[in-house]
Protein backbone atom coordinates (compact mmCIF):
# COMPACT_ATOMS: atom_id res chain seq x y z
CA MET A 1 0.00 0.00 0.00
CA ARG A 2 2.80 2.43 0.94
CA THR A 3 4.62 1.69 -2.35
CA ARG A 4 1.49 2.58 -4.32
CA PHE A 5 1.12 5.84 -2.38
CA VAL A 6 4.76 6.82 -3.01
CA ALA A 7 4.40 5.97 -6.71
CA CYS A 8 1.25 8.08 -6.90
CA VAL A 9 2.92 11.05 -5.20
CA LEU A 10 6.00 10.82 -7.44
CA SER A 11 3.78 10.65 -10.50
CA LEU A 12 1.87 13.73 -9.36
CA VAL A 13 5.10 15.65 -8.70
CA ALA A 14 6.52 14.69 -12.12
CA THR A 15 3.27 15.68 -13.88
CA THR A 16 3.19 19.02 -12.04
CA ALA A 17 6.83 19.75 -12.94
CA VAL A 18 6.24 18.95 -16.62
CA SER A 19 3.05 21.06 -16.64
CA ALA A 20 4.89 24.00 -15.08
CA LEU A 21 7.53 23.85 -17.80
CA ALA A 22 4.88 23.62 -20.52
CA GLU A 23 2.79 26.54 -19.20
CA PRO A 24 2.50 29.44 -21.63
CA LEU A 25 4.41 32.52 -20.56
CA ASP A 26 3.02 35.99 -20.01
CA PRO A 27 4.35 38.08 -22.94
CA SER A 28 3.78 41.33 -21.04
CA LEU A 29 6.63 40.31 -18.70
CA LEU A 30 9.10 40.85 -21.58
CA VAL A 31 8.24 44.54 -21.90
CA GLY A 32 10.90 46.74 -20.36
CA SER A 33 14.67 47.06 -20.15
CA TRP A 34 17.00 44.19 -19.26
CA LYS A 35 20.69 44.25 -18.25
CA LEU A 36 22.95 41.40 -19.38
CA THR A 37 24.28 39.35 -16.46
CA LYS A 38 25.76 36.33 -18.24
CA VAL A 39 26.45 35.09 -21.76
CA TYR A 40 28.16 31.89 -22.87
CA ASP A 41 28.20 29.40 -25.74
CA GLN A 42 27.20 25.82 -24.91
CA PHE A 43 28.61 23.26 -27.38
CA SER A 44 26.81 20.04 -28.21
CA ASP A 45 29.65 18.08 -26.57
CA GLY A 46 29.15 19.96 -23.26
CA ARG A 47 32.01 22.47 -23.56
CA ARG A 48 31.33 26.10 -22.61
CA ARG A 49 32.98 29.16 -24.10
CA GLU A 50 32.90 32.78 -22.98
CA THR A 51 33.18 34.41 -26.41
CA TRP A 52 32.38 37.85 -24.96
CA GLY A 53 35.09 37.66 -22.28
CA SER A 54 34.76 37.53 -18.52
CA ALA A 55 32.86 40.80 -18.04
CA PRO A 56 30.46 41.30 -20.97
CA GLN A 57 27.89 44.05 -20.84
CA GLY A 58 24.65 44.60 -22.67
CA ILE A 59 21.09 45.80 -22.69
CA LEU A 60 17.91 44.36 -24.21
CA GLN A 61 14.74 46.41 -24.56
CA PHE A 62 11.18 45.48 -25.52
CA THR A 63 8.36 48.00 -25.96
CA ALA A 64 4.67 47.25 -25.53
CA ASN A 65 4.06 48.06 -29.21
CA GLY A 66 6.47 45.40 -30.55
CA ILE A 67 9.78 47.22 -30.96
CA MET A 68 13.02 45.71 -29.64
CA SER A 69 16.72 46.50 -29.54
CA VAL A 70 19.79 44.81 -28.13
CA GLN A 71 23.43 45.74 -27.60
CA LEU A 72 26.14 43.32 -26.47
CA SER A 73 29.73 44.28 -25.78
CA GLY A 74 32.79 42.36 -24.72
CA GLY A 75 34.01 43.51 -21.32
CA GLU A 76 37.69 43.89 -22.18
CA ARG A 77 37.49 46.14 -25.25
CA PRO A 78 40.63 48.30 -25.26
CA ALA A 79 40.63 51.83 -26.60
CA HIS A 80 42.38 52.25 -29.94
CA PRO A 81 43.76 55.79 -30.33
CA GLY A 82 43.49 57.23 -33.80
CA THR A 83 40.20 55.53 -34.64
CA VAL A 84 36.74 57.03 -35.06
CA PRO A 85 33.36 55.77 -33.75
CA THR A 86 32.59 54.15 -37.11
CA ASP A 87 35.57 51.78 -36.63
CA PRO A 88 34.31 49.25 -34.07
CA VAL A 89 36.85 47.58 -31.82
CA GLY A 90 36.55 44.11 -30.26
CA PRO A 91 33.46 41.99 -29.76
CA TYR A 92 30.30 44.05 -30.20
CA ASN A 93 26.89 43.35 -31.67
CA ALA A 94 23.77 45.48 -31.81
CA TYR A 95 20.50 45.17 -33.67
CA PHE A 96 16.98 46.54 -33.64
CA GLY A 97 13.63 45.83 -35.20
CA THR A 98 10.30 44.36 -34.18
CA TYR A 99 9.46 41.23 -32.23
CA THR A 100 6.66 38.69 -31.89
CA VAL A 101 6.06 36.29 -29.01
CA ASP A 102 4.75 32.73 -29.09
CA ALA A 103 3.54 32.34 -25.50
CA ALA A 104 2.62 28.65 -25.85
CA GLY A 105 5.88 27.80 -27.61
CA ARG A 106 7.86 29.88 -25.09
CA PHE A 107 9.91 31.81 -27.64
CA PHE A 108 10.15 35.19 -29.31
CA GLU A 109 11.33 36.11 -32.76
CA ALA A 110 13.32 39.25 -33.44
CA HIS A 111 12.63 40.60 -36.92
CA VAL A 112 15.89 42.46 -37.51
CA GLN A 113 15.68 45.74 -39.37
CA ARG A 114 19.36 46.61 -39.00
CA SER A 115 22.34 44.96 -37.30
CA SER A 116 25.99 45.81 -36.70
CA TRP A 117 26.58 42.38 -38.26
CA PRO A 118 25.15 42.87 -41.79
CA GLN A 119 24.38 39.16 -42.24
CA TRP A 120 21.44 39.66 -39.84
CA ASN A 121 19.87 42.61 -41.70
CA GLY A 122 16.35 41.47 -42.61
CA ALA A 123 16.71 38.16 -40.72
CA THR A 124 14.31 36.63 -38.20
CA LEU A 125 16.13 35.39 -35.09
CA LYS A 126 14.36 32.85 -32.85
CA ARG A 127 15.11 32.98 -29.11
CA THR A 128 13.79 30.25 -26.81
CA ILE A 129 12.77 31.55 -23.40
CA GLU A 130 14.08 29.25 -20.67
CA GLU A 131 12.97 31.51 -17.82
CA LEU A 132 10.88 34.65 -17.59
CA SER A 133 9.82 36.37 -14.39
CA SER A 134 9.38 39.95 -13.25
CA THR A 135 13.15 40.09 -12.54
CA THR A 136 14.86 37.43 -14.70
CA LEU A 137 15.04 36.56 -18.40
CA LYS A 138 17.05 33.62 -19.72
CA VAL A 139 17.13 32.89 -23.45
CA VAL A 140 18.84 30.41 -25.75
CA SER A 141 19.55 31.25 -29.38
CA ALA A 142 19.26 28.82 -32.26
CA PRO A 143 22.26 26.51 -32.79
CA ILE A 144 25.21 27.97 -34.70
CA ASN A 145 27.86 25.94 -36.52
CA ASP A 146 31.34 27.24 -35.69
CA PRO A 147 33.67 25.81 -38.37
CA ASN A 148 36.50 25.76 -35.81
CA GLY A 149 34.64 24.51 -32.74
CA GLY A 150 31.46 22.67 -33.73
CA VAL A 151 27.79 23.35 -33.02
CA PHE A 152 26.88 25.59 -30.08
CA GLU A 153 23.92 27.46 -28.64
CA PRO A 154 24.40 30.97 -27.22
CA HIS A 155 22.87 31.39 -23.73
CA LEU A 156 22.04 34.88 -22.47
CA GLU A 157 20.80 35.86 -19.02
CA PHE A 158 19.36 39.24 -18.06
CA GLU A 159 17.96 41.00 -15.02
CA ARG A 160 15.29 43.65 -15.23
CA ILE A 161 16.50 47.24 -14.85
CA LYS A 162 14.40 49.09 -12.29
């Protein structure tokens, strides 16, 4: 009898956990400004890489009317005397455009109007939402094939700016 009870409780806990993960998210929680707290690449073989260095910085913004923008910068970008602002230095990426949210699928798509990396101009970038609360946003980008390192997924974590 006790074994049946334990099995029933474990089944209920497992079902509740799966249901919680499958719950649609509240898209209105995305709206606002988010500060980057962590970014890393996760390779399919388990390796992690900090492409943006040990102290990356960035901001992600969503408006209620569907506009978004993002800026990511490597933390150790040295100044280069004799250059002008149109000559970027070190790891940096920025883009803006519109966005749509699939609450049931737990992802958003950024419809890029313009990017500092021209290959993304006009592209649609899918971002899976791993966690979204009033204070935390964690997203995973679609897999990328690095010819030198293999397949990886960029992971980005943000905290809401008050």
